[in-house]
Amino acid sequence: MTTGSHDQPGSVALSGEARAPRLLESHPALSHILSRAGWYLLTFIVAVSINFVLPRLGDSNPVDVIMARAGANLDAATAREQEATYLKEFGLVRLDERGEMLRDASGKPLPTSLPVQFVRYLVLSAQGDLGTSILQYPRRVSEIISGALPWTLALQLPTIVLGWLVGNTLGALAAYFRGVFDRVIYPLALLTSAIPAFCLGILLVYVFGIHLEWLPAVGGYDEGIVPGLSYAFLASAGYYYVLPFVSIFVIIVGHQAIGMRSMCIYELGTDYVRYAKLLGMEERKIVRYMFRNAMLPQLTGLALALGGMVGGALVAEMIFSYPGLGMAILTAIQGNDYPVITGCTLLVTVTVLCANFCVDLLIGMLDPRVRSGRAVSK
């Protein structure tokens, strides 16, 4: 009896330690989620570190950009005081207990080390504070992003959804009917998907914006119009919207058509399609079943595209000077505006990683082989 009473706590401890592995073995879906979450967390940490370090590899001090623009009409004492304010606000100098800048023997401010700046960046980002823009001081980075993000979403969301629908429909029809229909669609899809986005954008600007002058080459709306929900603004924005939309839409349709055509050709060789044809099933039903079975990889691509649409139109926005995140990032890079660069790229990183993680979870739920792969291998 005594020996049994002494062994009981040890056995309880061992059972508690073994409970977690047994739980994961009995719930392969949970194991899949935790495994993917761990990898994405590690990827996020690496991405955030690179996002912080890359803009700071240059030797120039971004505060000099503000002083060059704002300090021309200031006297020496006011300029020094203003520069000190900027350096403190952006956390680029070391401070003493009283909040005053520490200086070396020559009187120059002592710069803050990169590890200290990185910790400050993580703490403020976790609080939702992305800092203050250097080029557009004193505008907050969150204000700049909130002003540019609707333009990017308005450009990307319709092009991705419509391009996905049109491309998949054309690909399925080309695979099923073949003949002249396939000989026309497939080469066109190959051509449009192979054209680099920047080449197509520049070509559209030159042909329709400069040579023919049918559509505006750059911008998001007429300069004399105040942005709002007025008819004049919406009509002007729609007029400027055409070329950026076409430059993205054409490429998406080509990619989706090629992918869907390949998947449908594979489905056409399966037994259930042959059996349906032998039974005399209607063509519409066969196409519908084939389209639905070939849709899983395309749905994955759609989810990834929707998750990455925040940063997916950067090239088009830069070429057409469209007032979205692409132009905001380009302007920030040209002016060494560290807070805007890190804020925009952090937003793109988070959305892309979340989209990939959601797609992994979706595949794990839809495909039992992925969900229970670890348990099967054991």
Protein backbone atom coordinates (compact mmCIF):
# COMPACT_ATOMS: atom_id res chain seq x y z
CA MET A 1 0.00 0.00 0.00
CA THR A 2 2.84 2.41 0.94
CA THR A 3 4.79 1.72 -2.21
CA GLY A 4 1.71 2.25 -4.36
CA SER A 5 1.04 5.60 -2.65
CA HIS A 6 4.59 6.78 -3.39
CA ASP A 7 4.39 5.77 -7.05
CA GLN A 8 1.11 7.57 -7.70
CA PRO A 9 2.49 11.16 -8.10
CA GLY A 10 5.19 9.97 -10.51
CA SER A 11 2.69 8.13 -12.65
CA VAL A 12 0.43 11.21 -12.76
CA ALA A 13 3.37 13.38 -13.83
CA LEU A 14 4.34 10.96 -16.57
CA SER A 15 0.78 10.77 -17.83
CA GLY A 16 0.62 14.58 -17.91
CA GLU A 17 3.84 14.81 -19.91
CA ALA A 18 2.63 12.22 -22.40
CA ARG A 19 -0.81 13.78 -22.73
CA ALA A 20 0.25 16.45 -25.25
CA PRO A 21 1.88 14.07 -27.79
CA ARG A 22 -1.06 11.68 -27.50
CA LEU A 23 -3.47 14.58 -28.05
CA LEU A 24 -1.66 15.58 -31.24
CA GLU A 25 -1.60 11.96 -32.46
CA SER A 26 -5.31 11.55 -31.89
CA HIS A 27 -6.12 14.93 -33.49
CA PRO A 28 -4.11 15.17 -36.74
CA ALA A 29 -5.98 18.33 -37.77
CA LEU A 30 -4.74 20.11 -34.64
CA SER A 31 -1.22 18.82 -35.29
CA HIS A 32 -1.38 20.19 -38.85
CA ILE A 33 -2.57 23.61 -37.63
CA LEU A 34 0.11 23.91 -34.94
CA SER A 35 2.84 22.80 -37.32
CA ARG A 36 1.88 25.35 -39.96
CA ALA A 37 1.40 28.09 -37.34
CA GLY A 38 4.92 27.51 -36.01
CA TRP A 39 6.48 27.83 -39.45
CA TYR A 40 4.51 30.97 -40.26
CA LEU A 41 5.45 32.53 -36.94
CA LEU A 42 9.12 31.90 -37.70
CA THR A 43 8.67 33.31 -41.21
CA PHE A 44 6.99 36.40 -39.77
CA ILE A 45 9.86 37.04 -37.35
CA VAL A 46 12.44 36.75 -40.14
CA ALA A 47 10.37 38.95 -42.47
CA VAL A 48 9.91 41.64 -39.83
CA SER A 49 13.65 41.62 -39.09
CA ILE A 50 14.53 42.01 -42.77
CA ASN A 51 11.84 44.66 -43.13
CA PHE A 52 13.49 46.66 -40.36
CA VAL A 53 17.13 46.23 -41.39
CA LEU A 54 17.01 46.78 -45.17
CA PRO A 55 15.91 50.44 -45.18
CA ARG A 56 18.64 51.26 -42.65
CA LEU A 57 21.58 49.84 -44.58
CA GLY A 58 22.30 53.22 -46.19
CA ASP A 59 24.59 55.82 -44.65
CA SER A 60 22.32 58.84 -45.07
CA ASN A 61 20.36 60.28 -42.16
CA PRO A 62 16.69 60.73 -43.15
CA VAL A 63 16.34 63.70 -40.80
CA ASP A 64 18.65 65.60 -43.15
CA VAL A 65 15.90 65.39 -45.77
CA ILE A 66 13.48 67.24 -43.49
CA MET A 67 16.06 69.84 -42.51
CA ALA A 68 17.02 70.47 -46.12
CA ARG A 69 13.40 71.24 -46.91
CA ALA A 70 12.28 73.00 -43.74
CA GLY A 71 15.49 74.52 -42.42
CA ALA A 72 16.21 76.92 -45.28
CA ASN A 73 14.30 79.81 -43.66
CA LEU A 74 15.38 79.08 -40.08
CA ASP A 75 18.24 80.60 -38.13
CA ALA A 76 21.02 78.36 -36.82
CA ALA A 77 19.68 78.02 -33.27
CA THR A 78 16.12 77.24 -34.37
CA ALA A 79 17.40 74.74 -36.95
CA ARG A 80 19.43 72.89 -34.31
CA GLU A 81 16.47 72.80 -31.96
CA GLN A 82 14.19 71.53 -34.72
CA GLU A 83 16.70 68.85 -35.74
CA ALA A 84 16.97 67.67 -32.13
CA THR A 85 13.18 67.38 -31.97
CA TYR A 86 13.14 65.23 -35.12
CA LEU A 87 15.94 62.98 -33.92
CA LYS A 88 14.18 62.39 -30.59
CA GLU A 89 10.80 61.71 -32.18
CA PHE A 90 12.18 59.12 -34.59
CA GLY A 91 14.30 57.45 -31.90
CA LEU A 92 17.56 57.95 -33.78
CA VAL A 93 19.62 59.33 -30.86
CA ARG A 94 20.41 58.23 -27.33
CA LEU A 95 18.79 60.16 -24.47
CA ASP A 96 19.72 60.63 -20.82
CA GLU A 97 17.41 60.45 -17.82
CA ARG A 98 16.10 63.98 -18.45
CA GLY A 99 15.28 63.24 -22.09
CA GLU A 100 18.21 65.24 -23.43
CA MET A 101 20.43 63.99 -26.26
CA LEU A 102 23.76 62.43 -25.39
CA ARG A 103 26.67 63.82 -27.37
CA ASP A 104 30.25 62.73 -28.00
CA ALA A 105 33.39 64.80 -27.42
CA SER A 106 32.91 66.73 -30.67
CA GLY A 107 29.30 67.62 -29.78
CA LYS A 108 27.62 65.28 -32.24
CA PRO A 109 24.55 63.34 -31.01
CA LEU A 110 25.18 59.71 -30.16
CA PRO A 111 23.08 57.53 -32.47
CA THR A 112 20.82 54.81 -31.11
CA SER A 113 22.02 51.29 -31.84
CA LEU A 114 20.06 49.15 -34.29
CA PRO A 115 19.02 46.60 -31.61
CA VAL A 116 17.48 49.38 -29.52
CA GLN A 117 15.71 50.80 -32.57
CA PHE A 118 14.46 47.31 -33.43
CA VAL A 119 12.97 46.75 -29.96
CA ARG A 120 11.32 50.16 -30.11
CA TYR A 121 9.96 49.33 -33.57
CA LEU A 122 8.47 46.03 -32.34
CA VAL A 123 6.85 47.61 -29.28
CA LEU A 124 5.28 50.48 -31.20
CA SER A 125 4.14 48.20 -34.05
CA ALA A 126 2.45 45.86 -31.58
CA GLN A 127 0.57 48.90 -30.24
CA GLY A 128 -0.52 49.89 -33.76
CA ASP A 129 1.79 52.91 -33.86
CA LEU A 130 3.72 52.82 -37.16
CA GLY A 131 5.41 56.13 -36.48
CA THR A 132 5.54 59.49 -38.25
CA SER A 133 6.46 60.02 -41.87
CA ILE A 134 9.77 61.76 -42.49
CA LEU A 135 8.98 63.18 -45.91
CA GLN A 136 5.42 64.19 -45.03
CA TYR A 137 6.06 65.25 -41.45
CA PRO A 138 4.00 65.48 -39.24
CA ARG A 139 1.59 63.03 -40.99
CA ARG A 140 1.30 59.64 -39.33
CA VAL A 141 2.18 56.52 -41.30
CA SER A 142 -1.20 54.99 -40.49
CA GLU A 143 -2.86 58.05 -42.06
CA ILE A 144 -0.81 57.65 -45.26
CA ILE A 145 -1.62 53.93 -45.48
CA SER A 146 -5.33 54.49 -44.83
CA GLY A 147 -5.38 57.05 -47.64
CA ALA A 148 -3.57 54.83 -50.15
CA LEU A 149 -5.06 51.44 -49.26
CA PRO A 150 -8.58 52.05 -50.71
CA TRP A 151 -7.04 52.88 -54.11
CA THR A 152 -5.04 49.65 -54.10
CA LEU A 153 -8.03 47.54 -53.03
CA ALA A 154 -10.29 49.21 -55.61
CA LEU A 155 -7.75 48.37 -58.31
CA GLN A 156 -6.86 44.86 -57.20
CA LEU A 157 -10.12 43.31 -55.98
CA PRO A 158 -12.14 43.65 -59.23
CA THR A 159 -9.19 42.67 -61.42
CA ILE A 160 -8.42 39.54 -59.39
CA VAL A 161 -12.02 38.34 -59.13
CA LEU A 162 -13.01 39.12 -62.73
CA GLY A 163 -9.70 37.84 -64.10
CA TRP A 164 -10.11 34.61 -62.13
CA LEU A 165 -13.67 34.06 -63.38
CA VAL A 166 -12.96 34.89 -67.02
CA GLY A 167 -9.65 33.02 -67.14
CA ASN A 168 -11.00 29.84 -65.57
CA THR A 169 -14.06 29.86 -67.81
CA LEU A 170 -11.98 30.28 -70.96
CA GLY A 171 -9.52 27.60 -69.83
CA ALA A 172 -12.28 25.09 -69.13
CA LEU A 173 -13.98 25.76 -72.47
CA ALA A 174 -10.69 25.52 -74.36
CA ALA A 175 -9.88 22.17 -72.73
CA TYR A 176 -13.30 20.67 -73.34
CA PHE A 177 -14.14 21.83 -76.86
CA ARG A 178 -10.56 21.99 -78.22
CA GLY A 179 -10.43 22.62 -81.98
CA VAL A 180 -10.35 26.21 -83.19
CA PHE A 181 -11.48 27.44 -79.78
CA ASP A 182 -8.40 26.00 -78.11
CA ARG A 183 -6.04 27.01 -80.91
CA VAL A 184 -7.06 30.65 -80.42
CA ILE A 185 -7.34 30.89 -76.63
CA TYR A 186 -4.25 28.90 -75.64
CA PRO A 187 -1.68 30.91 -77.66
CA LEU A 188 -3.25 34.18 -76.49
CA ALA A 189 -3.13 32.99 -72.87
CA LEU A 190 0.51 32.00 -73.25
CA LEU A 191 1.32 35.39 -74.74
CA THR A 192 -0.43 37.47 -72.10
CA SER A 193 0.89 35.40 -69.20
CA ALA A 194 4.47 35.65 -70.49
CA ILE A 195 4.47 39.45 -70.79
CA PRO A 196 6.11 41.10 -67.75
CA ALA A 197 3.75 43.43 -65.93
CA PHE A 198 5.98 46.45 -66.30
CA CYS A 199 6.37 45.88 -70.07
CA LEU A 200 2.61 45.66 -70.60
CA GLY A 201 2.06 48.75 -68.47
CA ILE A 202 4.64 50.81 -70.36
CA LEU A 203 3.20 49.60 -73.69
CA LEU A 204 -0.32 50.66 -72.68
CA VAL A 205 0.93 54.05 -71.53
CA TYR A 206 2.75 54.67 -74.80
CA VAL A 207 0.00 53.43 -77.16
CA PHE A 208 -3.22 54.61 -75.49
CA GLY A 209 -1.93 57.41 -73.29
CA ILE A 210 0.78 59.12 -75.36
CA HIS A 211 0.42 58.09 -79.01
CA LEU A 212 -3.37 57.81 -79.41
CA GLU A 213 -4.23 60.01 -76.39
CA TRP A 214 -7.42 58.04 -75.78
CA LEU A 215 -6.88 57.57 -72.05
CA PRO A 216 -4.87 59.36 -69.34
CA ALA A 217 -1.39 57.91 -68.93
CA VAL A 218 -0.75 58.65 -65.25
CA GLY A 219 -2.65 59.62 -62.14
CA GLY A 220 -5.82 58.57 -60.38
CA TYR A 221 -8.15 61.50 -61.14
CA ASP A 222 -8.15 65.03 -62.53
CA GLU A 223 -6.14 67.49 -60.45
CA GLY A 224 -8.93 70.05 -60.18
CA ILE A 225 -11.39 67.61 -58.56
CA VAL A 226 -11.69 67.09 -54.82
CA PRO A 227 -11.88 63.37 -53.89
CA GLY A 228 -15.31 62.37 -52.66
CA LEU A 229 -18.49 60.54 -53.62
CA SER A 230 -19.50 63.13 -56.19
CA TYR A 231 -20.32 62.12 -59.76
CA ALA A 232 -17.49 64.26 -61.14
CA PHE A 233 -14.89 62.51 -59.00
CA LEU A 234 -16.20 58.98 -59.64
CA ALA A 235 -16.34 59.61 -63.40
CA SER A 236 -12.81 60.99 -63.42
CA ALA A 237 -11.48 58.14 -61.27
CA GLY A 238 -13.14 55.59 -63.58
CA TYR A 239 -11.56 57.26 -66.60
CA TYR A 240 -8.09 57.02 -65.05
CA TYR A 241 -8.87 53.48 -63.84
CA VAL A 242 -9.01 51.85 -67.28
CA LEU A 243 -5.32 51.44 -68.15
CA PRO A 244 -4.15 50.15 -64.72
CA PHE A 245 -7.10 47.73 -64.68
CA VAL A 246 -6.34 46.36 -68.16
CA SER A 247 -2.60 45.98 -67.40
CA ILE A 248 -3.38 43.63 -64.47
CA PHE A 249 -6.55 41.97 -65.80
CA VAL A 250 -4.98 40.70 -69.05
CA ILE A 251 -2.10 38.97 -67.25
CA ILE A 252 -4.38 37.38 -64.63
CA VAL A 253 -6.70 36.00 -67.32
CA GLY A 254 -3.75 34.45 -69.16
CA HIS A 255 -2.37 32.74 -66.04
CA GLN A 256 -5.75 31.44 -64.91
CA ALA A 257 -6.70 30.16 -68.38
CA ILE A 258 -3.47 28.17 -68.72
CA GLY A 259 -3.81 26.63 -65.26
CA MET A 260 -7.48 25.74 -65.69
CA ARG A 261 -6.90 24.29 -69.16
CA SER A 262 -4.20 21.95 -67.82
CA MET A 263 -6.36 20.81 -64.90
CA CYS A 264 -9.38 20.21 -67.12
CA ILE A 265 -7.34 18.22 -69.66
CA TYR A 266 -6.26 16.00 -66.77
CA GLU A 267 -9.87 15.64 -65.59
CA LEU A 268 -11.01 14.75 -69.12
CA GLY A 269 -8.79 11.66 -69.00
CA THR A 270 -10.32 10.36 -65.79
CA ASP A 271 -12.70 7.42 -65.67
CA TYR A 272 -15.74 9.31 -64.39
CA VAL A 273 -15.77 11.63 -67.45
CA ARG A 274 -15.53 8.71 -69.86
CA TYR A 275 -18.27 6.88 -67.98
CA ALA A 276 -20.51 9.97 -68.05
CA LYS A 277 -20.06 10.28 -71.81
CA LEU A 278 -20.88 6.59 -72.31
CA LEU A 279 -24.05 7.06 -70.29
CA GLY A 280 -25.06 9.90 -72.61
CA MET A 281 -25.01 12.57 -69.93
CA GLU A 282 -25.60 16.14 -71.06
CA GLU A 283 -22.54 18.17 -72.01
CA ARG A 284 -23.44 20.90 -69.53
CA LYS A 285 -23.40 18.47 -66.59
CA ILE A 286 -20.09 16.95 -67.63
CA VAL A 287 -18.50 20.39 -67.97
CA ARG A 288 -19.92 21.41 -64.59
CA TYR A 289 -18.54 18.34 -62.80
CA MET A 290 -15.18 18.67 -64.54
CA PHE A 291 -14.99 22.37 -63.72
CA ARG A 292 -15.79 21.74 -60.06
CA ASN A 293 -13.20 18.99 -59.63
CA ALA A 294 -10.48 21.03 -61.35
CA MET A 295 -11.25 24.05 -59.18
CA LEU A 296 -9.31 23.20 -55.99
CA PRO A 297 -5.86 24.39 -57.20
CA GLN A 298 -7.49 27.45 -58.75
CA LEU A 299 -9.28 28.25 -55.49
CA THR A 300 -5.94 28.07 -53.73
CA GLY A 301 -4.50 30.56 -56.22
CA LEU A 302 -7.51 32.85 -55.76
CA ALA A 303 -7.12 32.84 -51.98
CA LEU A 304 -3.42 33.65 -52.26
CA ALA A 305 -4.10 36.43 -54.75
CA LEU A 306 -6.79 37.96 -52.53
CA GLY A 307 -4.45 37.81 -49.54
CA GLY A 308 -1.58 39.37 -51.44
CA MET A 309 -3.62 41.97 -53.29
CA VAL A 310 -2.46 44.68 -50.86
CA GLY A 311 1.01 44.52 -52.38
CA GLY A 312 0.21 42.89 -55.71
CA ALA A 313 -0.29 46.05 -57.82
CA LEU A 314 2.92 47.83 -56.88
CA VAL A 315 4.38 47.73 -60.39
CA ALA A 316 1.19 48.96 -62.04
CA GLU A 317 0.79 51.74 -59.51
CA MET A 318 4.35 52.91 -60.03
CA ILE A 319 4.04 52.89 -63.84
CA PHE A 320 0.71 54.74 -63.90
CA SER A 321 1.47 56.94 -60.85
CA TYR A 322 -1.69 55.52 -59.31
CA PRO A 323 -2.22 56.85 -55.75
CA GLY A 324 -2.07 53.48 -53.99
CA LEU A 325 0.41 51.73 -51.72
CA GLY A 326 2.82 51.24 -54.64
CA MET A 327 3.30 54.97 -55.10
CA ALA A 328 3.50 55.47 -51.33
CA ILE A 329 6.30 52.89 -51.09
CA LEU A 330 8.14 54.29 -54.14
CA THR A 331 8.03 57.84 -52.74
CA ALA A 332 9.23 56.59 -49.35
CA ILE A 333 12.14 54.65 -50.89
CA GLN A 334 13.27 57.65 -52.92
CA GLY A 335 13.30 59.83 -49.81
CA ASN A 336 14.60 57.29 -47.26
CA ASP A 337 11.32 57.55 -45.36
CA TYR A 338 11.96 54.61 -43.04
CA PRO A 339 8.64 54.65 -41.13
CA VAL A 340 6.51 54.59 -44.30
CA ILE A 341 8.67 51.87 -45.90
CA THR A 342 8.50 49.61 -42.86
CA GLY A 343 4.81 50.33 -42.26
CA CYS A 344 3.74 49.48 -45.84
CA THR A 345 5.92 46.40 -46.14
CA LEU A 346 4.77 45.20 -42.71
CA LEU A 347 1.17 45.42 -43.92
CA VAL A 348 2.02 43.50 -47.09
CA THR A 349 3.91 40.86 -45.09
CA VAL A 350 1.08 40.30 -42.63
CA THR A 351 -1.60 40.00 -45.33
CA VAL A 352 0.44 37.59 -47.46
CA LEU A 353 1.34 35.36 -44.52
CA CYS A 354 -2.25 35.33 -43.25
CA ALA A 355 -3.50 34.41 -46.72
CA ASN A 356 -1.01 31.56 -47.03
CA PHE A 357 -1.88 30.30 -43.56
CA CYS A 358 -5.61 30.36 -44.33
CA VAL A 359 -4.99 28.49 -47.58
CA ASP A 360 -2.99 25.82 -45.73
CA LEU A 361 -5.83 25.42 -43.25
CA LEU A 362 -8.38 25.26 -46.07
CA ILE A 363 -6.42 22.56 -47.88
CA GLY A 364 -6.04 20.65 -44.62
CA MET A 365 -9.80 20.66 -44.11
CA LEU A 366 -10.69 19.80 -47.71
CA ASP A 367 -8.01 17.18 -48.34
CA PRO A 368 -7.87 14.39 -45.71
CA ARG A 369 -4.47 13.27 -47.02
CA VAL A 370 -2.93 16.57 -45.96
CA ARG A 371 -4.80 16.69 -42.67
CA SER A 372 -3.78 13.19 -41.53
CA GLY A 373 -0.42 12.95 -43.30
CA ARG A 374 1.63 12.92 -40.12
CA ALA A 375 -0.47 10.24 -38.47
CA VAL A 376 -0.37 8.09 -41.61
CA SER A 377 3.41 8.36 -41.87
CA LYS A 378 3.72 7.09 -38.34
